[in-house]
mmCIF file of all heavy atoms, coordinates in Angstrom:
data_MODEL
# 
_entry.id   MODEL 
# 
loop_
_atom_site.group_PDB 
_atom_site.id 
_atom_site.type_symbol 
_atom_site.label_atom_id 
_atom_site.label_alt_id 
_atom_site.label_comp_id 
_atom_site.label_asym_id 
_atom_site.label_entity_id 
_atom_site.label_seq_id 
_atom_site.pdbx_PDB_ins_code 
_atom_site.Cartn_x 
_atom_site.Cartn_y 
_atom_site.Cartn_z 
_atom_site.occupancy 
_atom_site.B_iso_or_equiv 
_atom_site.pdbx_formal_charge 
_atom_site.auth_seq_id 
_atom_site.auth_comp_id 
_atom_site.auth_asym_id 
_atom_site.auth_atom_id 
_atom_site.pdbx_PDB_model_num 
ATOM 1   N N   . PHE A 1 1  ? -16.458 5.118  21.410 1.00 0.00 ? 1  PHE A N   1 
ATOM 2   C CA  . PHE A 1 1  ? -16.487 6.514  21.012 1.00 0.00 ? 1  PHE A CA  1 
ATOM 3   C C   . PHE A 1 1  ? -17.898 6.869  20.526 1.00 0.00 ? 1  PHE A C   1 
ATOM 4   O O   . PHE A 1 1  ? -18.574 6.032  19.874 1.00 0.00 ? 1  PHE A O   1 
ATOM 5   C CB  . PHE A 1 1  ? -15.497 6.762  19.829 1.00 0.00 ? 1  PHE A CB  1 
ATOM 6   C CG  . PHE A 1 1  ? -14.080 6.528  20.221 1.00 0.00 ? 1  PHE A CG  1 
ATOM 7   C CD1 . PHE A 1 1  ? -13.473 5.232  20.033 1.00 0.00 ? 1  PHE A CD1 1 
ATOM 8   C CD2 . PHE A 1 1  ? -13.287 7.569  20.789 1.00 0.00 ? 1  PHE A CD2 1 
ATOM 9   C CE1 . PHE A 1 1  ? -12.179 5.039  20.442 1.00 0.00 ? 1  PHE A CE1 1 
ATOM 10  C CE2 . PHE A 1 1  ? -11.985 7.282  21.159 1.00 0.00 ? 1  PHE A CE2 1 
ATOM 11  C CZ  . PHE A 1 1  ? -11.426 6.030  20.946 1.00 0.00 ? 1  PHE A CZ  1 
ATOM 12  N N   . PHE A 1 2  ? -18.352 8.048  20.822 1.00 0.00 ? 2  PHE A N   1 
ATOM 13  C CA  . PHE A 1 2  ? -19.709 8.471  20.494 1.00 0.00 ? 2  PHE A CA  1 
ATOM 14  C C   . PHE A 1 2  ? -19.690 9.897  19.991 1.00 0.00 ? 2  PHE A C   1 
ATOM 15  O O   . PHE A 1 2  ? -19.010 10.764 20.573 1.00 0.00 ? 2  PHE A O   1 
ATOM 16  C CB  . PHE A 1 2  ? -20.610 8.355  21.724 1.00 0.00 ? 2  PHE A CB  1 
ATOM 17  C CG  . PHE A 1 2  ? -22.002 8.879  21.552 1.00 0.00 ? 2  PHE A CG  1 
ATOM 18  C CD1 . PHE A 1 2  ? -22.888 8.331  20.630 1.00 0.00 ? 2  PHE A CD1 1 
ATOM 19  C CD2 . PHE A 1 2  ? -22.453 9.939  22.334 1.00 0.00 ? 2  PHE A CD2 1 
ATOM 20  C CE1 . PHE A 1 2  ? -24.170 8.800  20.457 1.00 0.00 ? 2  PHE A CE1 1 
ATOM 21  C CE2 . PHE A 1 2  ? -23.765 10.408 22.232 1.00 0.00 ? 2  PHE A CE2 1 
ATOM 22  C CZ  . PHE A 1 2  ? -24.610 9.839  21.274 1.00 0.00 ? 2  PHE A CZ  1 
ATOM 23  N N   . CYS A 1 3  ? -20.415 10.178 18.897 1.00 0.00 ? 3  CYS A N   1 
ATOM 24  C CA  . CYS A 1 3  ? -20.474 11.533 18.398 1.00 0.00 ? 3  CYS A CA  1 
ATOM 25  C C   . CYS A 1 3  ? -21.872 12.095 18.643 1.00 0.00 ? 3  CYS A C   1 
ATOM 26  O O   . CYS A 1 3  ? -22.836 11.687 18.007 1.00 0.00 ? 3  CYS A O   1 
ATOM 27  C CB  . CYS A 1 3  ? -20.195 11.526 16.877 1.00 0.00 ? 3  CYS A CB  1 
ATOM 28  S SG  . CYS A 1 3  ? -20.296 13.182 16.137 1.00 0.00 ? 3  CYS A SG  1 
ATOM 29  N N   . LEU A 1 4  ? -21.960 12.994 19.615 1.00 0.00 ? 4  LEU A N   1 
ATOM 30  C CA  . LEU A 1 4  ? -23.195 13.657 19.934 1.00 0.00 ? 4  LEU A CA  1 
ATOM 31  C C   . LEU A 1 4  ? -23.416 14.858 19.021 1.00 0.00 ? 4  LEU A C   1 
ATOM 32  O O   . LEU A 1 4  ? -24.510 15.090 18.535 1.00 0.00 ? 4  LEU A O   1 
ATOM 33  C CB  . LEU A 1 4  ? -23.257 14.086 21.386 1.00 0.00 ? 4  LEU A CB  1 
ATOM 34  C CG  . LEU A 1 4  ? -24.519 14.716 21.906 1.00 0.00 ? 4  LEU A CG  1 
ATOM 35  C CD1 . LEU A 1 4  ? -25.719 13.783 21.759 1.00 0.00 ? 4  LEU A CD1 1 
ATOM 36  C CD2 . LEU A 1 4  ? -24.346 15.093 23.396 1.00 0.00 ? 4  LEU A CD2 1 
ATOM 37  N N   . GLN A 1 5  ? -22.359 15.620 18.782 1.00 0.00 ? 5  GLN A N   1 
ATOM 38  C CA  . GLN A 1 5  ? -22.420 16.794 17.908 1.00 0.00 ? 5  GLN A CA  1 
ATOM 39  C C   . GLN A 1 5  ? -21.328 16.670 16.855 1.00 0.00 ? 5  GLN A C   1 
ATOM 40  O O   . GLN A 1 5  ? -20.150 16.894 17.145 1.00 0.00 ? 5  GLN A O   1 
ATOM 41  C CB  . GLN A 1 5  ? -22.221 18.081 18.735 1.00 0.00 ? 5  GLN A CB  1 
ATOM 42  C CG  . GLN A 1 5  ? -22.183 19.318 17.938 1.00 0.00 ? 5  GLN A CG  1 
ATOM 43  C CD  . GLN A 1 5  ? -23.483 19.603 17.213 1.00 0.00 ? 5  GLN A CD  1 
ATOM 44  O OE1 . GLN A 1 5  ? -24.539 19.548 17.778 1.00 0.00 ? 5  GLN A OE1 1 
ATOM 45  N NE2 . GLN A 1 5  ? -23.410 19.866 15.918 1.00 0.00 ? 5  GLN A NE2 1 
ATOM 46  N N   . PRO A 1 6  ? -21.696 16.364 15.616 1.00 0.00 ? 6  PRO A N   1 
ATOM 47  C CA  . PRO A 1 6  ? -20.697 16.218 14.566 1.00 0.00 ? 6  PRO A CA  1 
ATOM 48  C C   . PRO A 1 6  ? -19.942 17.533 14.304 1.00 0.00 ? 6  PRO A C   1 
ATOM 49  O O   . PRO A 1 6  ? -20.505 18.636 14.474 1.00 0.00 ? 6  PRO A O   1 
ATOM 50  C CB  . PRO A 1 6  ? -21.519 15.852 13.306 1.00 0.00 ? 6  PRO A CB  1 
ATOM 51  C CG  . PRO A 1 6  ? -22.785 15.322 13.848 1.00 0.00 ? 6  PRO A CG  1 
ATOM 52  C CD  . PRO A 1 6  ? -22.983 16.055 15.105 1.00 0.00 ? 6  PRO A CD  1 
ATOM 53  N N   . ALA A 1 7  ? -18.708 17.446 13.978 1.00 0.00 ? 7  ALA A N   1 
ATOM 54  C CA  . ALA A 1 7  ? -17.863 18.628 13.655 1.00 0.00 ? 7  ALA A CA  1 
ATOM 55  C C   . ALA A 1 7  ? -18.414 19.290 12.402 1.00 0.00 ? 7  ALA A C   1 
ATOM 56  O O   . ALA A 1 7  ? -18.924 18.610 11.541 1.00 0.00 ? 7  ALA A O   1 
ATOM 57  C CB  . ALA A 1 7  ? -16.417 18.209 13.459 1.00 0.00 ? 7  ALA A CB  1 
ATOM 58  N N   . SER A 1 8  ? -18.285 20.626 12.325 1.00 0.00 ? 8  SER A N   1 
ATOM 59  C CA  . SER A 1 8  ? -18.716 21.341 11.142 1.00 0.00 ? 8  SER A CA  1 
ATOM 60  C C   . SER A 1 8  ? -17.895 21.004 9.933  1.00 0.00 ? 8  SER A C   1 
ATOM 61  O O   . SER A 1 8  ? -18.294 21.025 8.788  1.00 0.00 ? 8  SER A O   1 
ATOM 62  C CB  . SER A 1 8  ? -18.722 22.841 11.366 1.00 0.00 ? 8  SER A CB  1 
ATOM 63  O OG  . SER A 1 8  ? -17.451 23.322 11.745 1.00 0.00 ? 8  SER A OG  1 
ATOM 64  N N   . ARG A 1 9  ? -16.598 20.608 10.177 1.00 0.00 ? 9  ARG A N   1 
ATOM 65  C CA  . ARG A 1 9  ? -15.738 20.121 9.124  1.00 0.00 ? 9  ARG A CA  1 
ATOM 66  C C   . ARG A 1 9  ? -14.674 19.253 9.790  1.00 0.00 ? 9  ARG A C   1 
ATOM 67  O O   . ARG A 1 9  ? -14.299 19.457 10.949 1.00 0.00 ? 9  ARG A O   1 
ATOM 68  C CB  . ARG A 1 9  ? -15.132 21.195 8.288  1.00 0.00 ? 9  ARG A CB  1 
ATOM 69  C CG  . ARG A 1 9  ? -14.097 22.067 8.943  1.00 0.00 ? 9  ARG A CG  1 
ATOM 70  C CD  . ARG A 1 9  ? -13.521 23.093 7.969  1.00 0.00 ? 9  ARG A CD  1 
ATOM 71  N NE  . ARG A 1 9  ? -12.139 23.323 8.201  1.00 0.00 ? 9  ARG A NE  1 
ATOM 72  C CZ  . ARG A 1 9  ? -11.674 24.206 9.113  1.00 0.00 ? 9  ARG A CZ  1 
ATOM 73  N NH1 . ARG A 1 9  ? -12.508 24.830 9.883  1.00 0.00 ? 9  ARG A NH1 1 
ATOM 74  N NH2 . ARG A 1 9  ? -10.392 24.338 9.216  1.00 0.00 ? 9  ARG A NH2 1 
ATOM 75  N N   . GLY A 1 10 ? -14.184 18.232 9.056  1.00 0.00 ? 10 GLY A N   1 
ATOM 76  C CA  . GLY A 1 10 ? -13.199 17.316 9.659  1.00 0.00 ? 10 GLY A CA  1 
ATOM 77  C C   . GLY A 1 10 ? -13.893 16.470 10.726 1.00 0.00 ? 10 GLY A C   1 
ATOM 78  O O   . GLY A 1 10 ? -14.980 16.016 10.523 1.00 0.00 ? 10 GLY A O   1 
ATOM 79  N N   . GLY A 1 11 ? -13.147 16.301 11.831 1.00 0.00 ? 11 GLY A N   1 
ATOM 80  C CA  . GLY A 1 11 ? -13.754 15.593 12.951 1.00 0.00 ? 11 GLY A CA  1 
ATOM 81  C C   . GLY A 1 11 ? -13.722 14.071 12.873 1.00 0.00 ? 11 GLY A C   1 
ATOM 82  O O   . GLY A 1 11 ? -14.339 13.427 13.656 1.00 0.00 ? 11 GLY A O   1 
ATOM 83  N N   . ALA A 1 12 ? -12.956 13.524 11.967 1.00 0.00 ? 12 ALA A N   1 
ATOM 84  C CA  . ALA A 1 12 ? -12.910 12.050 11.808 1.00 0.00 ? 12 ALA A CA  1 
ATOM 85  C C   . ALA A 1 12 ? -12.175 11.422 12.998 1.00 0.00 ? 12 ALA A C   1 
ATOM 86  O O   . ALA A 1 12 ? -11.266 12.027 13.598 1.00 0.00 ? 12 ALA A O   1 
ATOM 87  C CB  . ALA A 1 12 ? -12.230 11.703 10.499 1.00 0.00 ? 12 ALA A CB  1 
ATOM 88  N N   . THR A 1 13 ? -12.521 10.207 13.267 1.00 0.00 ? 13 THR A N   1 
ATOM 89  C CA  . THR A 1 13 ? -11.786 9.401  14.250 1.00 0.00 ? 13 THR A CA  1 
ATOM 90  C C   . THR A 1 13 ? -11.197 8.202  13.480 1.00 0.00 ? 13 THR A C   1 
ATOM 91  O O   . THR A 1 13 ? -11.812 7.136  13.383 1.00 0.00 ? 13 THR A O   1 
ATOM 92  C CB  . THR A 1 13 ? -12.698 8.886  15.385 1.00 0.00 ? 13 THR A CB  1 
ATOM 93  O OG1 . THR A 1 13 ? -13.291 10.045 16.046 1.00 0.00 ? 13 THR A OG1 1 
ATOM 94  C CG2 . THR A 1 13 ? -11.927 8.093  16.398 1.00 0.00 ? 13 THR A CG2 1 
ATOM 95  N N   . PRO A 1 14 ? -10.050 8.355  12.855 1.00 0.00 ? 14 PRO A N   1 
ATOM 96  C CA  . PRO A 1 14 ? -9.487  7.297  12.045 1.00 0.00 ? 14 PRO A CA  1 
ATOM 97  C C   . PRO A 1 14 ? -8.971  6.158  12.908 1.00 0.00 ? 14 PRO A C   1 
ATOM 98  O O   . PRO A 1 14 ? -8.484  6.386  14.035 1.00 0.00 ? 14 PRO A O   1 
ATOM 99  C CB  . PRO A 1 14 ? -8.339  7.997  11.255 1.00 0.00 ? 14 PRO A CB  1 
ATOM 100 C CG  . PRO A 1 14 ? -7.964  9.155  12.099 1.00 0.00 ? 14 PRO A CG  1 
ATOM 101 C CD  . PRO A 1 14 ? -9.216  9.594  12.837 1.00 0.00 ? 14 PRO A CD  1 
ATOM 102 N N   . LEU A 1 15 ? -9.038  4.947  12.412 1.00 0.00 ? 15 LEU A N   1 
ATOM 103 C CA  . LEU A 1 15 ? -8.550  3.756  13.081 1.00 0.00 ? 15 LEU A CA  1 
ATOM 104 C C   . LEU A 1 15 ? -7.475  3.096  12.224 1.00 0.00 ? 15 LEU A C   1 
ATOM 105 O O   . LEU A 1 15 ? -7.584  3.106  10.995 1.00 0.00 ? 15 LEU A O   1 
ATOM 106 C CB  . LEU A 1 15 ? -9.664  2.787  13.363 1.00 0.00 ? 15 LEU A CB  1 
ATOM 107 C CG  . LEU A 1 15 ? -10.838 3.256  14.203 1.00 0.00 ? 15 LEU A CG  1 
ATOM 108 C CD1 . LEU A 1 15 ? -11.868 2.143  14.326 1.00 0.00 ? 15 LEU A CD1 1 
ATOM 109 C CD2 . LEU A 1 15 ? -10.331 3.608  15.631 1.00 0.00 ? 15 LEU A CD2 1 
ATOM 110 N N   . VAL A 1 16 ? -6.496  2.568  12.923 1.00 0.00 ? 16 VAL A N   1 
ATOM 111 C CA  . VAL A 1 16 ? -5.471  1.804  12.180 1.00 0.00 ? 16 VAL A CA  1 
ATOM 112 C C   . VAL A 1 16 ? -5.242  0.505  12.943 1.00 0.00 ? 16 VAL A C   1 
ATOM 113 O O   . VAL A 1 16 ? -5.224  0.447  14.160 1.00 0.00 ? 16 VAL A O   1 
ATOM 114 C CB  . VAL A 1 16 ? -4.125  2.599  12.038 1.00 0.00 ? 16 VAL A CB  1 
ATOM 115 C CG1 . VAL A 1 16 ? -3.491  2.894  13.396 1.00 0.00 ? 16 VAL A CG1 1 
ATOM 116 C CG2 . VAL A 1 16 ? -3.159  1.955  11.120 1.00 0.00 ? 16 VAL A CG2 1 
ATOM 117 N N   . ASP A 1 17 ? -5.016  -0.557 12.191 1.00 0.00 ? 17 ASP A N   1 
ATOM 118 C CA  . ASP A 1 17 ? -4.666  -1.863 12.765 1.00 0.00 ? 17 ASP A CA  1 
ATOM 119 C C   . ASP A 1 17 ? -3.165  -1.890 12.911 1.00 0.00 ? 17 ASP A C   1 
ATOM 120 O O   . ASP A 1 17 ? -2.403  -2.123 11.971 1.00 0.00 ? 17 ASP A O   1 
ATOM 121 C CB  . ASP A 1 17 ? -5.169  -2.979 11.827 1.00 0.00 ? 17 ASP A CB  1 
ATOM 122 C CG  . ASP A 1 17 ? -4.901  -4.320 12.373 1.00 0.00 ? 17 ASP A CG  1 
ATOM 123 O OD1 . ASP A 1 17 ? -4.037  -4.502 13.253 1.00 0.00 ? 17 ASP A OD1 1 
ATOM 124 O OD2 . ASP A 1 17 ? -5.547  -5.283 11.843 1.00 0.00 ? 17 ASP A OD2 1 
ATOM 125 N N   . CYS A 1 18 ? -2.675  -1.638 14.120 1.00 0.00 ? 18 CYS A N   1 
ATOM 126 C CA  . CYS A 1 18 ? -1.240  -1.478 14.365 1.00 0.00 ? 18 CYS A CA  1 
ATOM 127 C C   . CYS A 1 18 ? -0.508  -2.807 14.091 1.00 0.00 ? 18 CYS A C   1 
ATOM 128 O O   . CYS A 1 18 ? 0.638   -2.781 13.602 1.00 0.00 ? 18 CYS A O   1 
ATOM 129 C CB  . CYS A 1 18 ? -0.979  -1.012 15.775 1.00 0.00 ? 18 CYS A CB  1 
ATOM 130 S SG  . CYS A 1 18 ? -1.449  0.707  16.044 1.00 0.00 ? 18 CYS A SG  1 
ATOM 131 N N   . ALA A 1 19 ? -1.146  -3.914 14.385 1.00 0.00 ? 19 ALA A N   1 
ATOM 132 C CA  . ALA A 1 19 ? -0.486  -5.218 14.106 1.00 0.00 ? 19 ALA A CA  1 
ATOM 133 C C   . ALA A 1 19 ? -0.333  -5.411 12.587 1.00 0.00 ? 19 ALA A C   1 
ATOM 134 O O   . ALA A 1 19 ? 0.719   -5.852 12.113 1.00 0.00 ? 19 ALA A O   1 
ATOM 135 C CB  . ALA A 1 19 ? -1.290  -6.364 14.711 1.00 0.00 ? 19 ALA A CB  1 
ATOM 136 N N   . ALA A 1 20 ? -1.388  -5.040 11.816 1.00 0.00 ? 20 ALA A N   1 
ATOM 137 C CA  . ALA A 1 20 ? -1.298  -5.191 10.393 1.00 0.00 ? 20 ALA A CA  1 
ATOM 138 C C   . ALA A 1 20 ? -0.224  -4.193 9.811  1.00 0.00 ? 20 ALA A C   1 
ATOM 139 O O   . ALA A 1 20 ? 0.503   -4.544 8.852  1.00 0.00 ? 20 ALA A O   1 
ATOM 140 C CB  . ALA A 1 20 ? -2.641  -4.916 9.736  1.00 0.00 ? 20 ALA A CB  1 
ATOM 141 N N   . LEU A 1 21 ? -0.211  -2.976 10.332 1.00 0.00 ? 21 LEU A N   1 
ATOM 142 C CA  . LEU A 1 21 ? 0.786   -1.986 9.953  1.00 0.00 ? 21 LEU A CA  1 
ATOM 143 C C   . LEU A 1 21 ? 2.203   -2.545 10.174 1.00 0.00 ? 21 LEU A C   1 
ATOM 144 O O   . LEU A 1 21 ? 3.076   -2.439 9.313  1.00 0.00 ? 21 LEU A O   1 
ATOM 145 C CB  . LEU A 1 21 ? 0.578   -0.694 10.666 1.00 0.00 ? 21 LEU A CB  1 
ATOM 146 C CG  . LEU A 1 21 ? 1.550   0.429  10.349 1.00 0.00 ? 21 LEU A CG  1 
ATOM 147 C CD1 . LEU A 1 21 ? 1.433   0.859  8.917  1.00 0.00 ? 21 LEU A CD1 1 
ATOM 148 C CD2 . LEU A 1 21 ? 1.295   1.583  11.299 1.00 0.00 ? 21 LEU A CD2 1 
ATOM 149 N N   . TYR A 1 22 ? 2.400   -3.099 11.338 1.00 0.00 ? 22 TYR A N   1 
ATOM 150 C CA  . TYR A 1 22 ? 3.698   -3.686 11.694 1.00 0.00 ? 22 TYR A CA  1 
ATOM 151 C C   . TYR A 1 22 ? 4.065   -4.841 10.714 1.00 0.00 ? 22 TYR A C   1 
ATOM 152 O O   . TYR A 1 22 ? 5.162   -4.897 10.210 1.00 0.00 ? 22 TYR A O   1 
ATOM 153 C CB  . TYR A 1 22 ? 3.723   -4.198 13.122 1.00 0.00 ? 22 TYR A CB  1 
ATOM 154 C CG  . TYR A 1 22 ? 4.981   -4.828 13.510 1.00 0.00 ? 22 TYR A CG  1 
ATOM 155 C CD1 . TYR A 1 22 ? 6.064   -4.052 13.886 1.00 0.00 ? 22 TYR A CD1 1 
ATOM 156 C CD2 . TYR A 1 22 ? 5.126   -6.202 13.609 1.00 0.00 ? 22 TYR A CD2 1 
ATOM 157 C CE1 . TYR A 1 22 ? 7.269   -4.634 14.236 1.00 0.00 ? 22 TYR A CE1 1 
ATOM 158 C CE2 . TYR A 1 22 ? 6.325   -6.801 13.991 1.00 0.00 ? 22 TYR A CE2 1 
ATOM 159 C CZ  . TYR A 1 22 ? 7.387   -6.010 14.292 1.00 0.00 ? 22 TYR A CZ  1 
ATOM 160 O OH  . TYR A 1 22 ? 8.614   -6.544 14.649 1.00 0.00 ? 22 TYR A OH  1 
ATOM 161 N N   . ARG A 1 23 ? 3.098   -5.717 10.433 1.00 0.00 ? 23 ARG A N   1 
ATOM 162 C CA  . ARG A 1 23 ? 3.346   -6.847 9.505  1.00 0.00 ? 23 ARG A CA  1 
ATOM 163 C C   . ARG A 1 23 ? 3.626   -6.319 8.080  1.00 0.00 ? 23 ARG A C   1 
ATOM 164 O O   . ARG A 1 23 ? 4.328   -6.980 7.348  1.00 0.00 ? 23 ARG A O   1 
ATOM 165 C CB  . ARG A 1 23 ? 2.151   -7.766 9.453  1.00 0.00 ? 23 ARG A CB  1 
ATOM 166 C CG  . ARG A 1 23 ? 2.005   -8.624 10.698 1.00 0.00 ? 23 ARG A CG  1 
ATOM 167 C CD  . ARG A 1 23 ? 0.954   -9.709 10.556 1.00 0.00 ? 23 ARG A CD  1 
ATOM 168 N NE  . ARG A 1 23 ? -0.348  -9.184 10.216 1.00 0.00 ? 23 ARG A NE  1 
ATOM 169 C CZ  . ARG A 1 23 ? -1.291  -8.825 11.079 1.00 0.00 ? 23 ARG A CZ  1 
ATOM 170 N NH1 . ARG A 1 23 ? -1.070  -8.934 12.395 1.00 0.00 ? 23 ARG A NH1 1 
ATOM 171 N NH2 . ARG A 1 23 ? -2.451  -8.371 10.681 1.00 0.00 ? 23 ARG A NH2 1 
ATOM 172 N N   . ALA A 1 24 ? 3.106   -5.156 7.703  1.00 0.00 ? 24 ALA A N   1 
ATOM 173 C CA  . ALA A 1 24 ? 3.278   -4.616 6.385  1.00 0.00 ? 24 ALA A CA  1 
ATOM 174 C C   . ALA A 1 24 ? 4.667   -3.971 6.218  1.00 0.00 ? 24 ALA A C   1 
ATOM 175 O O   . ALA A 1 24 ? 5.130   -3.732 5.063  1.00 0.00 ? 24 ALA A O   1 
ATOM 176 C CB  . ALA A 1 24 ? 2.210   -3.578 6.057  1.00 0.00 ? 24 ALA A CB  1 
# 
């Protein structure tokens, strides 16, 4: 993923470890 033009607000690309979420 690459951000050429940041969002004026928000715009995050959150990540989650699905295996860790499942284990939790």
